[in-house]
Amino acid sequence: MEVNRSKGSVLLCGSCMDARGMADEDVMDGARRSTMDELGSATLAADRVLVF
């Protein structure tokens, strides 16, 4: 199943993934591990952000 069908990005918090024992191979197609620096920059640059 593909997560993203639009032009957006699905970035995952690497620290959150580590805390839950998740590896890069555990995420769905279209999503990827990110860093706090990248997430911060993407949040500032974005028109909309979805967090859950």
PDB file of N, CA and C in Angstrom:
ATOM      1  N   MET A   1       0.840  -1.174   0.000  1.00  0.00           N
ATOM      2  CA  MET A   1       0.000   0.000   0.000  1.00  0.00           C
ATOM      3  C   MET A   1       0.886   1.238   0.000  1.00  0.00           C
ATOM      4  N   GLU A   2       0.600   2.173  -0.860  1.00  0.00           N
ATOM      5  CA  GLU A   2       1.358   3.408  -0.907  1.00  0.00           C
ATOM      6  C   GLU A   2       0.691   4.450  -0.027  1.00  0.00           C
ATOM      7  N   VAL A   3       1.482   5.153   0.767  1.00  0.00           N
ATOM      8  CA  VAL A   3       0.971   6.132   1.712  1.00  0.00           C
ATOM      9  C   VAL A   3       0.612   7.447   1.037  1.00  0.00           C
ATOM     10  N   ASN A   4       1.422   7.882   0.104  1.00  0.00           N
ATOM     11  CA  ASN A   4       1.346   9.242  -0.409  1.00  0.00           C
ATOM     12  C   ASN A   4       1.007   9.249  -1.899  1.00  0.00           C
ATOM     13  N   ARG A   5      -0.138   9.809  -2.251  1.00  0.00           N
ATOM     14  CA  ARG A   5      -0.538   9.880  -3.654  1.00  0.00           C
ATOM     15  C   ARG A   5      -0.462  11.292  -4.202  1.00  0.00           C
ATOM     16  N   SER A   6      -0.070  12.239  -3.375  1.00  0.00           N
ATOM     17  CA  SER A   6      -0.003  13.630  -3.807  1.00  0.00           C
ATOM     18  C   SER A   6       1.449  14.091  -3.863  1.00  0.00           C
ATOM     19  N   LYS A   7       1.630  15.391  -3.875  1.00  0.00           N
ATOM     20  CA  LYS A   7       2.974  15.961  -3.950  1.00  0.00           C
ATOM     21  C   LYS A   7       3.635  16.083  -2.586  1.00  0.00           C
ATOM     22  N   GLY A   8       2.926  15.746  -1.517  1.00  0.00           N
ATOM     23  CA  GLY A   8       3.451  15.913  -0.171  1.00  0.00           C
ATOM     24  C   GLY A   8       4.501  14.881   0.195  1.00  0.00           C
ATOM     25  N   SER A   9       5.043  15.051   1.377  1.00  0.00           N
ATOM     26  CA  SER A   9       6.054  14.136   1.908  1.00  0.00           C
ATOM     27  C   SER A   9       5.553  13.535   3.206  1.00  0.00           C
ATOM     28  N   VAL A  10       5.934  12.288   3.464  1.00  0.00           N
ATOM     29  CA  VAL A  10       5.635  11.643   4.735  1.00  0.00           C
ATOM     30  C   VAL A  10       6.984  11.385   5.406  1.00  0.00           C
ATOM     31  N   LEU A  11       7.265  12.206   6.408  1.00  0.00           N
ATOM     32  CA  LEU A  11       8.531  12.111   7.129  1.00  0.00           C
ATOM     33  C   LEU A  11       8.254  11.567   8.523  1.00  0.00           C
ATOM     34  N   LEU A  12       9.047  10.618   8.955  1.00  0.00           N
ATOM     35  CA  LEU A  12       8.865   9.989  10.262  1.00  0.00           C
ATOM     36  C   LEU A  12       9.995  10.398  11.198  1.00  0.00           C
ATOM     37  N   CYS A  13       9.645  10.658  12.432  1.00  0.00           N
ATOM     38  CA  CYS A  13      10.628  11.033  13.444  1.00  0.00           C
ATOM     39  C   CYS A  13      11.518   9.825  13.745  1.00  0.00           C
ATOM     40  N   GLY A  14      12.805   9.967  13.473  1.00  0.00           N
ATOM     41  CA  GLY A  14      13.744   8.871  13.719  1.00  0.00           C
ATOM     42  C   GLY A  14      13.832   8.501  15.183  1.00  0.00           C
ATOM     43  N   SER A  15      13.783   9.491  16.085  1.00  0.00           N
ATOM     44  CA  SER A  15      13.829   9.216  17.529  1.00  0.00           C
ATOM     45  C   SER A  15      12.599   8.434  17.969  1.00  0.00           C
ATOM     46  N   CYS A  16      11.441   8.786  17.427  1.00  0.00           N
ATOM     47  CA  CYS A  16      10.199   8.073  17.753  1.00  0.00           C
ATOM     48  C   CYS A  16      10.254   6.641  17.236  1.00  0.00           C
ATOM     49  N   MET A  17      10.801   6.467  16.037  1.00  0.00           N
ATOM     50  CA  MET A  17      10.945   5.120  15.480  1.00  0.00           C
ATOM     51  C   MET A  17      11.858   4.276  16.361  1.00  0.00           C
ATOM     52  N   ASP A  18      12.992   4.854  16.769  1.00  0.00           N
ATOM     53  CA  ASP A  18      13.938   4.123  17.623  1.00  0.00           C
ATOM     54  C   ASP A  18      13.305   3.732  18.949  1.00  0.00           C
ATOM     55  N   ALA A  19      12.534   4.634  19.550  1.00  0.00           N
ATOM     56  CA  ALA A  19      11.893   4.361  20.840  1.00  0.00           C
ATOM     57  C   ALA A  19      10.905   3.206  20.743  1.00  0.00           C
ATOM     58  N   ARG A  20      10.371   2.980  19.549  1.00  0.00           N
ATOM     59  CA  ARG A  20       9.394   1.905  19.342  1.00  0.00           C
ATOM     60  C   ARG A  20      10.012   0.671  18.693  1.00  0.00           C
ATOM     61  N   GLY A  21      11.325   0.686  18.523  1.00  0.00           N
ATOM     62  CA  GLY A  21      12.012  -0.460  17.942  1.00  0.00           C
ATOM     63  C   GLY A  21      11.742  -0.654  16.463  1.00  0.00           C
ATOM     64  N   MET A  22      11.401   0.427  15.765  1.00  0.00           N
ATOM     65  CA  MET A  22      11.087   0.329  14.337  1.00  0.00           C
ATOM     66  C   MET A  22      12.337   0.539  13.490  1.00  0.00           C
ATOM     67  N   ALA A  23      12.453  -0.244  12.434  1.00  0.00           N
ATOM     68  CA  ALA A  23      13.541  -0.102  11.471  1.00  0.00           C
ATOM     69  C   ALA A  23      12.985   0.514  10.188  1.00  0.00           C
ATOM     70  N   ASP A  24      13.870   0.969   9.326  1.00  0.00           N
ATOM     71  CA  ASP A  24      13.443   1.559   8.050  1.00  0.00           C
ATOM     72  C   ASP A  24      12.587   0.588   7.240  1.00  0.00           C
ATOM     73  N   GLU A  25      12.861  -0.698   7.386  1.00  0.00           N
ATOM     74  CA  GLU A  25      12.119  -1.717   6.644  1.00  0.00           C
ATOM     75  C   GLU A  25      10.683  -1.883   7.150  1.00  0.00           C
ATOM     76  N   ASP A  26      10.372  -1.323   8.314  1.00  0.00           N
ATOM     77  CA  ASP A  26       9.046  -1.467   8.917  1.00  0.00           C
ATOM     78  C   ASP A  26       8.024  -0.439   8.429  1.00  0.00           C
ATOM     79  N   VAL A  27       8.465   0.573   7.697  1.00  0.00           N
ATOM     80  CA  VAL A  27       7.544   1.641   7.288  1.00  0.00           C
ATOM     81  C   VAL A  27       6.958   1.361   5.902  1.00  0.00           C
ATOM     82  N   MET A  28       5.812   1.968   5.650  1.00  0.00           N
ATOM     83  CA  MET A  28       5.115   1.776   4.378  1.00  0.00           C
ATOM     84  C   MET A  28       5.832   2.510   3.245  1.00  0.00           C
ATOM     85  N   ASP A  29       5.594   2.063   2.024  1.00  0.00           N
ATOM     86  CA  ASP A  29       6.146   2.739   0.853  1.00  0.00           C
ATOM     87  C   ASP A  29       5.683   4.189   0.836  1.00  0.00           C
ATOM     88  N   GLY A  30       6.585   5.091   0.523  1.00  0.00           N
ATOM     89  CA  GLY A  30       6.245   6.494   0.446  1.00  0.00           C
ATOM     90  C   GLY A  30       6.556   7.266   1.719  1.00  0.00           C
ATOM     91  N   ALA A  31       6.849   6.563   2.808  1.00  0.00           N
ATOM     92  CA  ALA A  31       7.233   7.209   4.073  1.00  0.00           C
ATOM     93  C   ALA A  31       8.708   6.920   4.309  1.00  0.00           C
ATOM     94  N   ARG A  32       9.364   7.830   5.053  1.00  0.00           N
ATOM     95  CA  ARG A  32      10.778   7.590   5.336  1.00  0.00           C
ATOM     96  C   ARG A  32      11.211   8.243   6.642  1.00  0.00           C
ATOM     97  N   ARG A  33      12.252   7.656   7.227  1.00  0.00           N
ATOM     98  CA  ARG A  33      12.856   8.184   8.461  1.00  0.00           C
ATOM     99  C   ARG A  33      13.429   9.566   8.171  1.00  0.00           C
ATOM    100  N   SER A  34      13.284  10.448   9.140  1.00  0.00           N
ATOM    101  CA  SER A  34      13.789  11.807   8.995  1.00  0.00           C
ATOM    102  C   SER A  34      14.556  12.190  10.254  1.00  0.00           C
ATOM    103  N   THR A  35      15.132  13.376  10.234  1.00  0.00           N
ATOM    104  CA  THR A  35      15.846  13.916  11.391  1.00  0.00           C
ATOM    105  C   THR A  35      15.055  15.091  11.963  1.00  0.00           C
ATOM    106  N   MET A  36      15.374  15.487  13.181  1.00  0.00           N
ATOM    107  CA  MET A  36      14.701  16.632  13.781  1.00  0.00           C
ATOM    108  C   MET A  36      14.987  17.906  12.988  1.00  0.00           C
ATOM    109  N   ASP A  37      16.200  18.058  12.485  1.00  0.00           N
ATOM    110  CA  ASP A  37      16.527  19.235  11.665  1.00  0.00           C
ATOM    111  C   ASP A  37      15.673  19.277  10.407  1.00  0.00           C
ATOM    112  N   GLU A  38      15.555  18.142   9.727  1.00  0.00           N
ATOM    113  CA  GLU A  38      14.751  18.084   8.504  1.00  0.00           C
ATOM    114  C   GLU A  38      13.267  18.311   8.802  1.00  0.00           C
ATOM    115  N   LEU A  39      12.773  17.706   9.888  1.00  0.00           N
ATOM    116  CA  LEU A  39      11.376  17.895  10.256  1.00  0.00           C
ATOM    117  C   LEU A  39      11.088  19.353  10.609  1.00  0.00           C
ATOM    118  N   GLY A  40      11.996  19.988  11.332  1.00  0.00           N
ATOM    119  CA  GLY A  40      11.828  21.401  11.675  1.00  0.00           C
ATOM    120  C   GLY A  40      11.807  22.289  10.448  1.00  0.00           C
ATOM    121  N   SER A  41      12.736  22.055   9.531  1.00  0.00           N
ATOM    122  CA  SER A  41      12.792  22.839   8.290  1.00  0.00           C
ATOM    123  C   SER A  41      11.548  22.627   7.443  1.00  0.00           C
ATOM    124  N   ALA A  42      11.101  21.379   7.341  1.00  0.00           N
ATOM    125  CA  ALA A  42       9.906  21.075   6.552  1.00  0.00           C
ATOM    126  C   ALA A  42       8.666  21.716   7.167  1.00  0.00           C
ATOM    127  N   THR A  43       8.592  21.731   8.493  1.00  0.00           N
ATOM    128  CA  THR A  43       7.448  22.342   9.183  1.00  0.00           C
ATOM    129  C   THR A  43       7.395  23.847   8.917  1.00  0.00           C
ATOM    130  N   LEU A  44       8.543  24.505   9.002  1.00  0.00           N
ATOM    131  CA  LEU A  44       8.594  25.947   8.750  1.00  0.00           C
ATOM    132  C   LEU A  44       8.255  26.288   7.306  1.00  0.00           C
ATOM    133  N   ALA A  45       8.642  25.442   6.374  1.00  0.00           N
ATOM    134  CA  ALA A  45       8.433  25.717   4.950  1.00  0.00           C
ATOM    135  C   ALA A  45       7.040  25.321   4.455  1.00  0.00           C
ATOM    136  N   ALA A  46       6.330  24.497   5.208  1.00  0.00           N
ATOM    137  CA  ALA A  46       5.074  23.906   4.739  1.00  0.00           C
ATOM    138  C   ALA A  46       3.894  24.860   4.838  1.00  0.00           C
ATOM    139  N   ASP A  47       2.965  24.699   3.907  1.00  0.00           N
ATOM    140  CA  ASP A  47       1.675  25.396   3.993  1.00  0.00           C
ATOM    141  C   ASP A  47       0.772  24.697   5.008  1.00  0.00           C
ATOM    142  N   ARG A  48       0.893  23.370   5.075  1.00  0.00           N
ATOM    143  CA  ARG A  48       0.082  22.562   5.992  1.00  0.00           C
ATOM    144  C   ARG A  48       0.946  21.433   6.557  1.00  0.00           C
ATOM    145  N   VAL A  49       0.678  21.083   7.806  1.00  0.00           N
ATOM    146  CA  VAL A  49       1.396  19.988   8.450  1.00  0.00           C
ATOM    147  C   VAL A  49       0.374  19.124   9.169  1.00  0.00           C
ATOM    148  N   LEU A  50       0.491  17.809   9.016  1.00  0.00           N
ATOM    149  CA  LEU A  50      -0.382  16.864   9.703  1.00  0.00           C
ATOM    150  C   LEU A  50       0.470  16.093  10.706  1.00  0.00           C
ATOM    151  N   VAL A  51       0.080  16.142  11.963  1.00  0.00           N
ATOM    152  CA  VAL A  51       0.788  15.438  13.025  1.00  0.00           C
ATOM    153  C   VAL A  51      -0.230  14.622  13.794  1.00  0.00           C
ATOM    154  N   PHE A  52       0.090  13.362  14.046  1.00  0.00           N
ATOM    155  CA  PHE A  52      -0.798  12.549  14.871  1.00  0.00           C
ATOM    156  C   PHE A  52      -0.017  11.567  15.669  1.00  0.00           C
TER     157      PHE A  52
END
